């Protein structure tokens, strides 16, 4: 750590930078500290001149009213180097904590919305590293740099126009990145804490339990919520996994019609038929519907409890600044009155209607094309097997499914990149709007790409053996590919490729340690991980009555998924910035939609099961009568689902009380502020009248 009064000192734990230059100065007396914690590393292009680097540092250190970020900067090794280290003064951290609406521990032990004016009554207020988590401090630094704006048109020193020309109200950080002056912005690791986290997380011998509070403190809310959901989901897989094993091994189909064994033809049919019995279909289908509902409701309660524990259950809802990628003509915002880029809504809608929708439709057409090819190959291989009847041709029966699975995976990866480009072209102002439209595009395609074939086989072809074979192929192939990419590839990458810091020692120059951190690849985010979990949840809740071993296979996969995801995050990528969040966001809605669809899917799968078809024929029921019965049962189960969702509150009672207390205290504080303001106005008027 560096004293601001000793310019020759560098940084210390978690990172040291030695060199002749000191940290930038702060004017606030309470922010002057003998120790400064480096939080973020900015890597500049090698061609950046010292004058340009000096200007970038001055902007980051400038006050917010001057368009800066009001942060502390250090030039790294020297002014000729290609890095800048950034820290945050105490007042900046406290001010942004209030702006974000974070809750912190009050002196009475409760979590309360942080107030800058009342800061002395919050616990650990004098110890920034205890008051805010490392992830929160690093996010605040990035948040403030994102808000840097050019107050007037100017030119970046050392960069010729038009590349170095800054327009009024243009985002400075975005301009620097577009101009290629900044290569990366990375939160700095604390290597000691990271090693300790690894021991408690992916290196522990037990298969269960994660240090969620440690994860939240180090990696932030976005990462912590993902692993908390993965942990809760994996634990919730035990009941359906036990049921699936019981149905598979203790409820064989031959137990269904032992009374007909005197009839040789019927007996032969029973022996050859490998379908589950009606009772197994019923148990698995009804259990899947109820399980998906209870799982989501209990997760919402757990999510709410975590948001209180982590201080994010009262995040501020405000009219945010435009996201960094937003662009347009500079003008006055009619809502806020601020000068900022403006982009007409009709242009965005035109891009969505004339570009995004047709492109998404084109990819959905490719899904249908792949499905058509799958059916053609399926018929071809089946006819070949009937003519040969060998073990080789029997194995070939799975080839069309495997080929189609690989096709859908490749198509899905290509589409995700296209969806991101389409959403960027739509030019959404708010980050939340951008995330919503991007996620919606991917979810629509993912649902269609992964489940269209299964629904077509089940409800149009009504081929339960083919559906079961297809589902088993999906689970086995995806798990084999997944385990290879999740376990083998990360091990090989860590072993042979990411060895930049392997040969470094503690006494090596800290600049080398910083460069080693910056050399790691950028963390790709959790988008693909959530997609994987969503597809898993769909297989289980929509079709597990056809293949009861779905849950056991998913459970085995997820027990290793937790550790491998943790390993990759800690070892293979740069540390990501993580915003404070109160829940899973749009992903939670996606899981709830699948839970609702599962009721309809399981009802009709039960109706189309071969055993139920035989029962319908024996009972002499017409098609219209069967449909009426199915609709009635479906609606009854939907009502049961809604009753369960109503009975299980989304929040625990104690959390509802805490939320109401915060709302009440906010109203009282506002009332006191109004009274104080009124009294001040009255005194001012009396003073004027006295004059």
Foldseek 3Di string as FASTA:
>chain_A
DAAPVDQQAFADPLFTFGANGRKDDDDDPLQHDRHFDFWKKWFFDLPDDLLLLVVVQCQQCDDVVQLHLVWIWDCGHDSNHGMITITGTLVLLLVVQLVQQFWAQFQVGFTFGRDPVPLVRGPPSSPVCVGAFSLSRNLSSVVSLQRRFHQAWDFRPPDDPPLRTHHHRARPVLSCVVSRGTDDMFTDDSVVLLVVQLCQFQVDPDLADHPLVSCCRHQNDQVSQVLVLLRLVLVLLVVLQVLLVCQVPPQWQLVACPVPCVDVVVVVVSVPDRFTHLVLLVVQLLCLLQSLLVSLLVVLAVLQVVCRVRRNNRTDDDDDFFGNLFAADWDADPPPRDTHHDDDLVVLVCLCVVPVVVVLVVLLVVLVVLLVVLVVVLVVLVVVCVVPVDPVSVVCNCVSLLVSLVVLVVSLVVVLVVLLVSLSVSRDGHPLVSVVSSLVSSLVSLCSNLCVSLCCCCPPVLPLVVSQSSLVSNLVSCLVVVCCVLPVVVVVCLVPPLCQCVPPDPPPRSSSVVVSLVVFAADPDCSVVLSVVLSLSLCSLQPCSSPSNSSVSVSVSSSVNRSSVSCCQSGRHGRDNYDHDSHNPVSSVSSVVSSLVSLVRSLSSSCSRPNNVVVCVVVVDDPVRSVVVSVVSSVVSSVVSVVVSVVSDSHDPVSVVVVVVNVVVVVVVVVVVVVVVVVVVVVVVVVVVVD
